[in-house]
PDB file of N, CA and C in Angstrom:
ATOM      1  N   MET A   1      -1.961 -26.629 -15.269  1.00  0.00           N
ATOM      2  CA  MET A   1      -1.789 -25.937 -14.011  1.00  0.00           C
ATOM      3  C   MET A   1      -2.836 -24.828 -13.905  1.00  0.00           C
ATOM      4  N   SER A   2      -3.441 -24.698 -12.751  1.00  0.00           N
ATOM      5  CA  SER A   2      -4.415 -23.636 -12.536  1.00  0.00           C
ATOM      6  C   SER A   2      -3.690 -22.316 -12.300  1.00  0.00           C
ATOM      7  N   PHE A   3      -4.439 -21.252 -12.227  1.00  0.00           N
ATOM      8  CA  PHE A   3      -3.882 -19.922 -12.030  1.00  0.00           C
ATOM      9  C   PHE A   3      -3.952 -19.537 -10.560  1.00  0.00           C
ATOM     10  N   THR A   4      -2.870 -18.916 -10.073  1.00  0.00           N
ATOM     11  CA  THR A   4      -2.877 -18.332  -8.735  1.00  0.00           C
ATOM     12  C   THR A   4      -2.275 -16.943  -8.817  1.00  0.00           C
ATOM     13  N   VAL A   5      -2.751 -16.076  -7.946  1.00  0.00           N
ATOM     14  CA  VAL A   5      -2.191 -14.737  -7.822  1.00  0.00           C
ATOM     15  C   VAL A   5      -2.209 -14.366  -6.343  1.00  0.00           C
ATOM     16  N   ALA A   6      -1.099 -13.830  -5.903  1.00  0.00           N
ATOM     17  CA  ALA A   6      -0.978 -13.377  -4.519  1.00  0.00           C
ATOM     18  C   ALA A   6      -0.356 -11.992  -4.543  1.00  0.00           C
ATOM     19  N   SER A   7      -0.792 -11.132  -3.636  1.00  0.00           N
ATOM     20  CA  SER A   7      -0.265  -9.771  -3.632  1.00  0.00           C
ATOM     21  C   SER A   7       0.113  -9.328  -2.226  1.00  0.00           C
ATOM     22  N   SER A   8       1.030  -8.374  -2.205  1.00  0.00           N
ATOM     23  CA  SER A   8       1.402  -7.708  -0.962  1.00  0.00           C
ATOM     24  C   SER A   8       1.783  -6.276  -1.318  1.00  0.00           C
ATOM     25  N   PHE A   9       1.836  -5.437  -0.306  1.00  0.00           N
ATOM     26  CA  PHE A   9       2.108  -4.020  -0.528  1.00  0.00           C
ATOM     27  C   PHE A   9       3.054  -3.533   0.549  1.00  0.00           C
ATOM     28  N   ASN A  10       4.098  -2.791   0.123  1.00  0.00           N
ATOM     29  CA  ASN A  10       5.059  -2.282   1.087  1.00  0.00           C
ATOM     30  C   ASN A  10       5.705  -1.011   0.538  1.00  0.00           C
ATOM     31  N   SER A  11       5.606   0.077   1.259  1.00  0.00           N
ATOM     32  CA  SER A  11       6.280   1.334   0.920  1.00  0.00           C
ATOM     33  C   SER A  11       6.047   1.789  -0.515  1.00  0.00           C
ATOM     34  N   GLY A  12       4.803   1.784  -0.943  1.00  0.00           N
ATOM     35  CA  GLY A  12       4.473   2.261  -2.289  1.00  0.00           C
ATOM     36  C   GLY A  12       4.687   1.265  -3.392  1.00  0.00           C
ATOM     37  N   VAL A  13       5.101   0.048  -3.042  1.00  0.00           N
ATOM     38  CA  VAL A  13       5.366  -0.977  -4.051  1.00  0.00           C
ATOM     39  C   VAL A  13       4.416  -2.147  -3.849  1.00  0.00           C
ATOM     40  N   ALA A  14       3.686  -2.475  -4.912  1.00  0.00           N
ATOM     41  CA  ALA A  14       2.807  -3.639  -4.892  1.00  0.00           C
ATOM     42  C   ALA A  14       3.537  -4.809  -5.534  1.00  0.00           C
ATOM     43  N   HIS A  15       3.538  -5.925  -4.862  1.00  0.00           N
ATOM     44  CA  HIS A  15       4.145  -7.155  -5.369  1.00  0.00           C
ATOM     45  C   HIS A  15       3.016  -8.125  -5.686  1.00  0.00           C
ATOM     46  N   LEU A  16       2.972  -8.597  -6.921  1.00  0.00           N
ATOM     47  CA  LEU A  16       2.001  -9.614  -7.300  1.00  0.00           C
ATOM     48  C   LEU A  16       2.743 -10.789  -7.902  1.00  0.00           C
ATOM     49  N   THR A  17       2.435 -11.978  -7.423  1.00  0.00           N
ATOM     50  CA  THR A  17       3.049 -13.186  -7.944  1.00  0.00           C
ATOM     51  C   THR A  17       1.975 -13.958  -8.691  1.00  0.00           C
ATOM     52  N   LEU A  18       2.239 -14.205  -9.980  1.00  0.00           N
ATOM     53  CA  LEU A  18       1.294 -14.906 -10.844  1.00  0.00           C
ATOM     54  C   LEU A  18       1.895 -16.239 -11.253  1.00  0.00           C
ATOM     55  N   ALA A  19       1.066 -17.279 -11.254  1.00  0.00           N
ATOM     56  CA  ALA A  19       1.529 -18.607 -11.661  1.00  0.00           C
ATOM     57  C   ALA A  19       0.404 -19.319 -12.397  1.00  0.00           C
ATOM     58  N   GLY A  20       0.799 -20.154 -13.344  1.00  0.00           N
ATOM     59  CA  GLY A  20      -0.180 -20.959 -14.071  1.00  0.00           C
ATOM     60  C   GLY A  20      -0.559 -20.349 -15.406  1.00  0.00           C
ATOM     61  N   ARG A  21      -1.861 -20.382 -15.696  1.00  0.00           N
ATOM     62  CA  ARG A  21      -2.383 -19.928 -16.984  1.00  0.00           C
ATOM     63  C   ARG A  21      -3.347 -18.763 -16.768  1.00  0.00           C
ATOM     64  N   LEU A  22      -2.996 -17.605 -17.324  1.00  0.00           N
ATOM     65  CA  LEU A  22      -3.839 -16.419 -17.224  1.00  0.00           C
ATOM     66  C   LEU A  22      -4.650 -16.324 -18.514  1.00  0.00           C
ATOM     67  N   ASP A  23      -5.935 -16.666 -18.409  1.00  0.00           N
ATOM     68  CA  ASP A  23      -6.803 -16.672 -19.581  1.00  0.00           C
ATOM     69  C   ASP A  23      -8.171 -16.122 -19.193  1.00  0.00           C
ATOM     70  N   ALA A  24      -9.160 -16.282 -20.064  1.00  0.00           N
ATOM     71  CA  ALA A  24     -10.492 -15.728 -19.815  1.00  0.00           C
ATOM     72  C   ALA A  24     -11.124 -16.293 -18.542  1.00  0.00           C
ATOM     73  N   ASN A  25     -10.815 -17.528 -18.219  1.00  0.00           N
ATOM     74  CA  ASN A  25     -11.392 -18.151 -17.028  1.00  0.00           C
ATOM     75  C   ASN A  25     -10.755 -17.658 -15.732  1.00  0.00           C
ATOM     76  N   THR A  26      -9.558 -17.124 -15.801  1.00  0.00           N
ATOM     77  CA  THR A  26      -8.827 -16.747 -14.586  1.00  0.00           C
ATOM     78  C   THR A  26      -8.540 -15.251 -14.485  1.00  0.00           C
ATOM     79  N   ALA A  27      -8.825 -14.492 -15.532  1.00  0.00           N
ATOM     80  CA  ALA A  27      -8.514 -13.057 -15.541  1.00  0.00           C
ATOM     81  C   ALA A  27      -9.218 -12.308 -14.412  1.00  0.00           C
ATOM     82  N   GLY A  28     -10.389 -12.774 -14.011  1.00  0.00           N
ATOM     83  CA  GLY A  28     -11.120 -12.127 -12.924  1.00  0.00           C
ATOM     84  C   GLY A  28     -10.355 -12.149 -11.611  1.00  0.00           C
ATOM     85  N   GLN A  29      -9.620 -13.226 -11.364  1.00  0.00           N
ATOM     86  CA  GLN A  29      -8.796 -13.308 -10.153  1.00  0.00           C
ATOM     87  C   GLN A  29      -7.721 -12.221 -10.160  1.00  0.00           C
ATOM     88  N   PHE A  30      -7.078 -12.054 -11.304  1.00  0.00           N
ATOM     89  CA  PHE A  30      -6.042 -11.042 -11.448  1.00  0.00           C
ATOM     90  C   PHE A  30      -6.640  -9.645 -11.274  1.00  0.00           C
ATOM     91  N   LYS A  31      -7.784  -9.412 -11.899  1.00  0.00           N
ATOM     92  CA  LYS A  31      -8.455  -8.120 -11.795  1.00  0.00           C
ATOM     93  C   LYS A  31      -8.801  -7.803 -10.334  1.00  0.00           C
ATOM     94  N   ALA A  32      -9.284  -8.775  -9.604  1.00  0.00           N
ATOM     95  CA  ALA A  32      -9.632  -8.560  -8.195  1.00  0.00           C
ATOM     96  C   ALA A  32      -8.412  -8.132  -7.386  1.00  0.00           C
ATOM     97  N   GLU A  33      -7.252  -8.743  -7.654  1.00  0.00           N
ATOM     98  CA  GLU A  33      -6.021  -8.356  -6.946  1.00  0.00           C
ATOM     99  C   GLU A  33      -5.577  -6.954  -7.339  1.00  0.00           C
ATOM    100  N   ILE A  34      -5.719  -6.608  -8.609  1.00  0.00           N
ATOM    101  CA  ILE A  34      -5.357  -5.259  -9.067  1.00  0.00           C
ATOM    102  C   ILE A  34      -6.236  -4.232  -8.379  1.00  0.00           C
ATOM    103  N   GLU A  35      -7.526  -4.493  -8.304  1.00  0.00           N
ATOM    104  CA  GLU A  35      -8.426  -3.550  -7.643  1.00  0.00           C
ATOM    105  C   GLU A  35      -8.088  -3.418  -6.159  1.00  0.00           C
ATOM    106  N   LYS A  36      -7.686  -4.514  -5.546  1.00  0.00           N
ATOM    107  CA  LYS A  36      -7.305  -4.490  -4.136  1.00  0.00           C
ATOM    108  C   LYS A  36      -6.057  -3.628  -3.915  1.00  0.00           C
ATOM    109  N   ILE A  37      -5.026  -3.833  -4.734  1.00  0.00           N
ATOM    110  CA  ILE A  37      -3.795  -3.063  -4.535  1.00  0.00           C
ATOM    111  C   ILE A  37      -3.945  -1.613  -5.003  1.00  0.00           C
ATOM    112  N   ALA A  38      -4.869  -1.353  -5.927  1.00  0.00           N
ATOM    113  CA  ALA A  38      -5.080   0.013  -6.417  1.00  0.00           C
ATOM    114  C   ALA A  38      -5.526   0.935  -5.286  1.00  0.00           C
ATOM    115  N   GLU A  39      -6.206   0.383  -4.299  1.00  0.00           N
ATOM    116  CA  GLU A  39      -6.647   1.180  -3.155  1.00  0.00           C
ATOM    117  C   GLU A  39      -5.469   1.767  -2.389  1.00  0.00           C
ATOM    118  N   GLU A  40      -4.312   1.116  -2.470  1.00  0.00           N
ATOM    119  CA  GLU A  40      -3.104   1.576  -1.782  1.00  0.00           C
ATOM    120  C   GLU A  40      -2.331   2.617  -2.585  1.00  0.00           C
ATOM    121  N   ARG A  41      -2.725   2.832  -3.834  1.00  0.00           N
ATOM    122  CA  ARG A  41      -2.080   3.787  -4.739  1.00  0.00           C
ATOM    123  C   ARG A  41      -0.579   3.565  -4.870  1.00  0.00           C
ATOM    124  N   PRO A  42      -0.181   2.407  -5.378  1.00  0.00           N
ATOM    125  CA  PRO A  42       1.258   2.135  -5.513  1.00  0.00           C
ATOM    126  C   PRO A  42       1.898   3.012  -6.585  1.00  0.00           C
ATOM    127  N   THR A  43       3.182   3.272  -6.414  1.00  0.00           N
ATOM    128  CA  THR A  43       3.942   3.981  -7.436  1.00  0.00           C
ATOM    129  C   THR A  43       4.669   2.984  -8.333  1.00  0.00           C
ATOM    130  N   VAL A  44       4.805   1.756  -7.848  1.00  0.00           N
ATOM    131  CA  VAL A  44       5.444   0.675  -8.594  1.00  0.00           C
ATOM    132  C   VAL A  44       4.630  -0.597  -8.390  1.00  0.00           C
ATOM    133  N   VAL A  45       4.426  -1.323  -9.480  1.00  0.00           N
ATOM    134  CA  VAL A  45       3.821  -2.649  -9.415  1.00  0.00           C
ATOM    135  C   VAL A  45       4.842  -3.630  -9.979  1.00  0.00           C
ATOM    136  N   ALA A  46       5.206  -4.614  -9.175  1.00  0.00           N
ATOM    137  CA  ALA A  46       6.151  -5.647  -9.603  1.00  0.00           C
ATOM    138  C   ALA A  46       5.372  -6.942  -9.789  1.00  0.00           C
ATOM    139  N   LEU A  47       5.291  -7.386 -11.035  1.00  0.00           N
ATOM    140  CA  LEU A  47       4.606  -8.632 -11.366  1.00  0.00           C
ATOM    141  C   LEU A  47       5.650  -9.737 -11.498  1.00  0.00           C
ATOM    142  N   PHE A  48       5.654 -10.642 -10.548  1.00  0.00           N
ATOM    143  CA  PHE A  48       6.586 -11.770 -10.569  1.00  0.00           C
ATOM    144  C   PHE A  48       5.905 -12.896 -11.341  1.00  0.00           C
ATOM    145  N   VAL A  49       6.391 -13.145 -12.556  1.00  0.00           N
ATOM    146  CA  VAL A  49       5.686 -14.044 -13.476  1.00  0.00           C
ATOM    147  C   VAL A  49       6.533 -15.243 -13.908  1.00  0.00           C
ATOM    148  N   GLN A  50       7.576 -15.554 -13.165  1.00  0.00           N
ATOM    149  CA  GLN A  50       8.451 -16.652 -13.572  1.00  0.00           C
ATOM    150  C   GLN A  50       7.699 -17.980 -13.659  1.00  0.00           C
ATOM    151  N   ASP A  51       6.595 -18.130 -12.925  1.00  0.00           N
ATOM    152  CA  ASP A  51       5.813 -19.363 -12.976  1.00  0.00           C
ATOM    153  C   ASP A  51       4.533 -19.218 -13.790  1.00  0.00           C
ATOM    154  N   LEU A  52       4.425 -18.117 -14.533  1.00  0.00           N
ATOM    155  CA  LEU A  52       3.286 -17.934 -15.424  1.00  0.00           C
ATOM    156  C   LEU A  52       3.605 -18.636 -16.742  1.00  0.00           C
ATOM    157  N   GLU A  53       2.820 -19.653 -17.066  1.00  0.00           N
ATOM    158  CA  GLU A  53       3.088 -20.480 -18.241  1.00  0.00           C
ATOM    159  C   GLU A  53       2.461 -19.947 -19.518  1.00  0.00           C
ATOM    160  N   TYR A  54       1.345 -19.245 -19.378  1.00  0.00           N
ATOM    161  CA  TYR A  54       0.560 -18.863 -20.549  1.00  0.00           C
ATOM    162  C   TYR A  54      -0.224 -17.600 -20.237  1.00  0.00           C
ATOM    163  N   MET A  55      -0.311 -16.704 -21.229  1.00  0.00           N
ATOM    164  CA  MET A  55      -1.132 -15.505 -21.097  1.00  0.00           C
ATOM    165  C   MET A  55      -1.959 -15.337 -22.365  1.00  0.00           C
ATOM    166  N   ALA A  56      -3.257 -15.437 -22.219  1.00  0.00           N
ATOM    167  CA  ALA A  56      -4.181 -15.250 -23.336  1.00  0.00           C
ATOM    168  C   ALA A  56      -4.522 -13.766 -23.466  1.00  0.00           C
ATOM    169  N   SER A  57      -5.340 -13.440 -24.443  1.00  0.00           N
ATOM    170  CA  SER A  57      -5.725 -12.046 -24.663  1.00  0.00           C
ATOM    171  C   SER A  57      -6.409 -11.452 -23.438  1.00  0.00           C
ATOM    172  N   ALA A  58      -7.122 -12.257 -22.675  1.00  0.00           N
ATOM    173  CA  ALA A  58      -7.759 -11.749 -21.454  1.00  0.00           C
ATOM    174  C   ALA A  58      -6.705 -11.291 -20.450  1.00  0.00           C
ATOM    175  N   GLY A  59      -5.578 -11.964 -20.381  1.00  0.00           N
ATOM    176  CA  GLY A  59      -4.490 -11.557 -19.508  1.00  0.00           C
ATOM    177  C   GLY A  59      -3.856 -10.266 -19.979  1.00  0.00           C
ATOM    178  N   ILE A  60      -3.723 -10.128 -21.282  1.00  0.00           N
ATOM    179  CA  ILE A  60      -3.180  -8.893 -21.855  1.00  0.00           C
ATOM    180  C   ILE A  60      -4.110  -7.729 -21.519  1.00  0.00           C
ATOM    181  N   ARG A  61      -5.409  -7.962 -21.648  1.00  0.00           N
ATOM    182  CA  ARG A  61      -6.374  -6.919 -21.287  1.00  0.00           C
ATOM    183  C   ARG A  61      -6.227  -6.523 -19.818  1.00  0.00           C
ATOM    184  N   MET A  62      -5.917  -7.477 -18.958  1.00  0.00           N
ATOM    185  CA  MET A  62      -5.749  -7.168 -17.537  1.00  0.00           C
ATOM    186  C   MET A  62      -4.494  -6.316 -17.287  1.00  0.00           C
ATOM    187  N   LEU A  63      -3.447  -6.530 -18.083  1.00  0.00           N
ATOM    188  CA  LEU A  63      -2.262  -5.657 -17.968  1.00  0.00           C
ATOM    189  C   LEU A  63      -2.602  -4.234 -18.405  1.00  0.00           C
ATOM    190  N   VAL A  64      -3.367  -4.121 -19.485  1.00  0.00           N
ATOM    191  CA  VAL A  64      -3.802  -2.800 -19.950  1.00  0.00           C
ATOM    192  C   VAL A  64      -4.699  -2.158 -18.886  1.00  0.00           C
ATOM    193  N   PHE A  65      -5.614  -2.948 -18.318  1.00  0.00           N
ATOM    194  CA  PHE A  65      -6.480  -2.463 -17.244  1.00  0.00           C
ATOM    195  C   PHE A  65      -5.644  -1.962 -16.067  1.00  0.00           C
ATOM    196  N   THR A  66      -4.599  -2.701 -15.732  1.00  0.00           N
ATOM    197  CA  THR A  66      -3.727  -2.317 -14.621  1.00  0.00           C
ATOM    198  C   THR A  66      -3.129  -0.943 -14.865  1.00  0.00           C
ATOM    199  N   LYS A  67      -2.606  -0.739 -16.054  1.00  0.00           N
ATOM    200  CA  LYS A  67      -1.991   0.552 -16.391  1.00  0.00           C
ATOM    201  C   LYS A  67      -3.038   1.668 -16.348  1.00  0.00           C
ATOM    202  N   GLN A  68      -4.216   1.401 -16.874  1.00  0.00           N
ATOM    203  CA  GLN A  68      -5.274   2.404 -16.866  1.00  0.00           C
ATOM    204  C   GLN A  68      -5.751   2.697 -15.444  1.00  0.00           C
ATOM    205  N   LYS A  69      -5.917   1.670 -14.656  1.00  0.00           N
ATOM    206  CA  LYS A  69      -6.432   1.812 -13.294  1.00  0.00           C
ATOM    207  C   LYS A  69      -5.454   2.594 -12.413  1.00  0.00           C
ATOM    208  N   LEU A  70      -4.167   2.323 -12.570  1.00  0.00           N
ATOM    209  CA  LEU A  70      -3.168   2.928 -11.702  1.00  0.00           C
ATOM    210  C   LEU A  70      -2.576   4.215 -12.261  1.00  0.00           C
ATOM    211  N   GLY A  71      -2.702   4.438 -13.545  1.00  0.00           N
ATOM    212  CA  GLY A  71      -2.247   5.683 -14.147  1.00  0.00           C
ATOM    213  C   GLY A  71      -0.834   5.627 -14.682  1.00  0.00           C
ATOM    214  N   ALA A  72      -0.512   6.611 -15.486  1.00  0.00           N
ATOM    215  CA  ALA A  72       0.785   6.676 -16.163  1.00  0.00           C
ATOM    216  C   ALA A  72       1.947   6.858 -15.194  1.00  0.00           C
ATOM    217  N   GLN A  73       1.680   7.405 -14.007  1.00  0.00           N
ATOM    218  CA  GLN A  73       2.753   7.633 -13.038  1.00  0.00           C
ATOM    219  C   GLN A  73       3.199   6.351 -12.357  1.00  0.00           C
ATOM    220  N   THR A  74       2.480   5.253 -12.530  1.00  0.00           N
ATOM    221  CA  THR A  74       2.826   3.975 -11.911  1.00  0.00           C
ATOM    222  C   THR A  74       3.623   3.128 -12.889  1.00  0.00           C
ATOM    223  N   ASP A  75       4.822   2.725 -12.486  1.00  0.00           N
ATOM    224  CA  ASP A  75       5.642   1.835 -13.304  1.00  0.00           C
ATOM    225  C   ASP A  75       5.232   0.394 -13.038  1.00  0.00           C
ATOM    226  N   ILE A  76       5.122  -0.376 -14.121  1.00  0.00           N
ATOM    227  CA  ILE A  76       4.787  -1.794 -14.001  1.00  0.00           C
ATOM    228  C   ILE A  76       5.980  -2.603 -14.487  1.00  0.00           C
ATOM    229  N   TYR A  77       6.534  -3.401 -13.586  1.00  0.00           N
ATOM    230  CA  TYR A  77       7.657  -4.277 -13.892  1.00  0.00           C
ATOM    231  C   TYR A  77       7.156  -5.694 -14.087  1.00  0.00           C
ATOM    232  N   VAL A  78       7.645  -6.343 -15.118  1.00  0.00           N
ATOM    233  CA  VAL A  78       7.360  -7.752 -15.369  1.00  0.00           C
ATOM    234  C   VAL A  78       8.665  -8.494 -15.079  1.00  0.00           C
ATOM    235  N   ILE A  79       8.657  -9.248 -14.010  1.00  0.00           N
ATOM    236  CA  ILE A  79       9.883  -9.855 -13.491  1.00  0.00           C
ATOM    237  C   ILE A  79       9.936 -11.341 -13.816  1.00  0.00           C
ATOM    238  N   GLY A  80      11.024 -11.760 -14.474  1.00  0.00           N
ATOM    239  CA  GLY A  80      11.278 -13.181 -14.720  1.00  0.00           C
ATOM    240  C   GLY A  80      10.363 -13.834 -15.732  1.00  0.00           C
ATOM    241  N   ALA A  81       9.900 -13.088 -16.716  1.00  0.00           N
ATOM    242  CA  ALA A  81       8.965 -13.642 -17.706  1.00  0.00           C
ATOM    243  C   ALA A  81       9.619 -14.703 -18.576  1.00  0.00           C
ATOM    244  N   GLN A  82       8.888 -15.772 -18.805  1.00  0.00           N
ATOM    245  CA  GLN A  82       9.327 -16.814 -19.724  1.00  0.00           C
ATOM    246  C   GLN A  82       9.247 -16.271 -21.149  1.00  0.00           C
ATOM    247  N   PRO A  83      10.033 -16.835 -22.064  1.00  0.00           N
ATOM    248  CA  PRO A  83      10.072 -16.313 -23.436  1.00  0.00           C
ATOM    249  C   PRO A  83       8.703 -16.215 -24.110  1.00  0.00           C
ATOM    250  N   GLN A  84       7.828 -17.176 -23.870  1.00  0.00           N
ATOM    251  CA  GLN A  84       6.519 -17.139 -24.525  1.00  0.00           C
ATOM    252  C   GLN A  84       5.660 -15.973 -24.007  1.00  0.00           C
ATOM    253  N   ILE A  85       5.850 -15.583 -22.768  1.00  0.00           N
ATOM    254  CA  ILE A  85       5.119 -14.435 -22.224  1.00  0.00           C
ATOM    255  C   ILE A  85       5.684 -13.142 -22.818  1.00  0.00           C
ATOM    256  N   VAL A  86       6.998 -13.029 -22.867  1.00  0.00           N
ATOM    257  CA  VAL A  86       7.636 -11.850 -23.471  1.00  0.00           C
ATOM    258  C   VAL A  86       7.181 -11.716 -24.922  1.00  0.00           C
ATOM    259  N   HIS A  87       7.188 -12.813 -25.649  1.00  0.00           N
ATOM    260  CA  HIS A  87       6.783 -12.799 -27.059  1.00  0.00           C
ATOM    261  C   HIS A  87       5.338 -12.312 -27.203  1.00  0.00           C
ATOM    262  N   THR A  88       4.452 -12.812 -26.370  1.00  0.00           N
ATOM    263  CA  THR A  88       3.048 -12.401 -26.425  1.00  0.00           C
ATOM    264  C   THR A  88       2.916 -10.901 -26.185  1.00  0.00           C
ATOM    265  N   LEU A  89       3.629 -10.381 -25.207  1.00  0.00           N
ATOM    266  CA  LEU A  89       3.546  -8.955 -24.903  1.00  0.00           C
ATOM    267  C   LEU A  89       4.169  -8.110 -26.011  1.00  0.00           C
ATOM    268  N   GLU A  90       5.235  -8.607 -26.621  1.00  0.00           N
ATOM    269  CA  GLU A  90       5.852  -7.891 -27.744  1.00  0.00           C
ATOM    270  C   GLU A  90       4.931  -7.885 -28.965  1.00  0.00           C
ATOM    271  N   MET A  91       4.294  -8.990 -29.239  1.00  0.00           N
ATOM    272  CA  MET A  91       3.419  -9.093 -30.415  1.00  0.00           C
ATOM    273  C   MET A  91       2.200  -8.177 -30.303  1.00  0.00           C
ATOM    274  N   THR A  92       1.789  -7.879 -29.083  1.00  0.00           N
ATOM    275  CA  THR A  92       0.603  -7.048 -28.876  1.00  0.00           C
ATOM    276  C   THR A  92       0.941  -5.592 -28.588  1.00  0.00           C
ATOM    277  N   GLY A  93       2.224  -5.283 -28.430  1.00  0.00           N
ATOM    278  CA  GLY A  93       2.641  -3.919 -28.153  1.00  0.00           C
ATOM    279  C   GLY A  93       2.584  -3.530 -26.684  1.00  0.00           C
ATOM    280  N   VAL A  94       2.140  -4.443 -25.831  1.00  0.00           N
ATOM    281  CA  VAL A  94       2.055  -4.152 -24.398  1.00  0.00           C
ATOM    282  C   VAL A  94       3.448  -3.993 -23.793  1.00  0.00           C
ATOM    283  N   ASP A  95       4.445  -4.538 -24.457  1.00  0.00           N
ATOM    284  CA  ASP A  95       5.818  -4.406 -23.954  1.00  0.00           C
ATOM    285  C   ASP A  95       6.257  -2.947 -23.853  1.00  0.00           C
ATOM    286  N   LYS A  96       5.592  -2.048 -24.567  1.00  0.00           N
ATOM    287  CA  LYS A  96       5.925  -0.620 -24.507  1.00  0.00           C
ATOM    288  C   LYS A  96       5.413   0.039 -23.225  1.00  0.00           C
ATOM    289  N   SER A  97       4.508  -0.665 -22.521  1.00  0.00           N
ATOM    290  CA  SER A  97       3.892  -0.105 -21.318  1.00  0.00           C
ATOM    291  C   SER A  97       4.424  -0.709 -20.028  1.00  0.00           C
ATOM    292  N   VAL A  98       5.314  -1.684 -20.150  1.00  0.00           N
ATOM    293  CA  VAL A  98       5.863  -2.349 -18.968  1.00  0.00           C
ATOM    294  C   VAL A  98       7.385  -2.346 -19.059  1.00  0.00           C
ATOM    295  N   ILE A  99       8.012  -2.673 -17.940  1.00  0.00           N
ATOM    296  CA  ILE A  99       9.470  -2.755 -17.881  1.00  0.00           C
ATOM    297  C   ILE A  99       9.833  -4.191 -17.556  1.00  0.00           C
ATOM    298  N   PHE A 100      10.591  -4.833 -18.428  1.00  0.00           N
ATOM    299  CA  PHE A 100      11.019  -6.214 -18.205  1.00  0.00           C
ATOM    300  C   PHE A 100      12.303  -6.230 -17.384  1.00  0.00           C
ATOM    301  N   ALA A 101      12.401  -7.170 -16.457  1.00  0.00           N
ATOM    302  CA  ALA A 101      13.618  -7.340 -15.669  1.00  0.00           C
ATOM    303  C   ALA A 101      13.715  -8.788 -15.223  1.00  0.00           C
ATOM    304  N   ASP A 102      14.941  -9.226 -14.966  1.00  0.00           N
ATOM    305  CA  ASP A 102      15.166 -10.588 -14.491  1.00  0.00           C
ATOM    306  C   ASP A 102      14.900 -10.720 -12.999  1.00  0.00           C
ATOM    307  N   SER A 103      15.127  -9.622 -12.269  1.00  0.00           N
ATOM    308  CA  SER A 103      14.854  -9.633 -10.829  1.00  0.00           C
ATOM    309  C   SER A 103      14.376  -8.265 -10.430  1.00  0.00           C
ATOM    310  N   PHE A 104      13.702  -8.187  -9.314  1.00  0.00           N
ATOM    311  CA  PHE A 104      13.184  -6.884  -8.892  1.00  0.00           C
ATOM    312  C   PHE A 104      14.303  -5.969  -8.437  1.00  0.00           C
ATOM    313  N   GLU A 105      15.349  -6.494  -7.860  1.00  0.00           N
ATOM    314  CA  GLU A 105      16.476  -5.664  -7.456  1.00  0.00           C
ATOM    315  C   GLU A 105      17.080  -4.956  -8.663  1.00  0.00           C
ATOM    316  N   LEU A 106      17.205  -5.687  -9.762  1.00  0.00           N
ATOM    317  CA  LEU A 106      17.700  -5.097 -11.000  1.00  0.00           C
ATOM    318  C   LEU A 106      16.741  -4.010 -11.475  1.00  0.00           C
ATOM    319  N   ALA A 107      15.452  -4.318 -11.432  1.00  0.00           N
ATOM    320  CA  ALA A 107      14.440  -3.352 -11.877  1.00  0.00           C
ATOM    321  C   ALA A 107      14.456  -2.092 -11.025  1.00  0.00           C
ATOM    322  N   ALA A 108      14.642  -2.253  -9.734  1.00  0.00           N
ATOM    323  CA  ALA A 108      14.595  -1.121  -8.826  1.00  0.00           C
ATOM    324  C   ALA A 108      15.778  -0.170  -9.039  1.00  0.00           C
ATOM    325  N   THR A 109      16.852  -0.637  -9.637  1.00  0.00           N
ATOM    326  CA  THR A 109      18.021   0.207  -9.833  1.00  0.00           C
ATOM    327  C   THR A 109      18.031   0.873 -11.191  1.00  0.00           C
ATOM    328  N   ASN A 110      17.119   0.477 -12.067  1.00  0.00           N
ATOM    329  CA  ASN A 110      17.085   1.086 -13.406  1.00  0.00           C
ATOM    330  C   ASN A 110      16.490   2.468 -13.389  1.00  0.00           C
TER     331      ASN A 110
END
């Protein structure tokens, strides 16, 4: 499966939906969307990743880039991650910089 990313912005919240395989060949697409939403200065970024099958080190770097680009005041939610994605983020320590949730409504109430 190829990689797709779509974004929208509403009331300080950026929504990004990622699907497929996030690797060195596709990380540029993700970076372009992050740069686009960064212009809006979101306070929350919700990454909907239920259809993300794989994340390579390039994808992990893009999550780190996201946190750096948007700053410590921006919360990043990882919504609906498959076990292999959660495991990858835990193994690299990136799980300490994001908030995992099953749905965005749940995340918004935490």
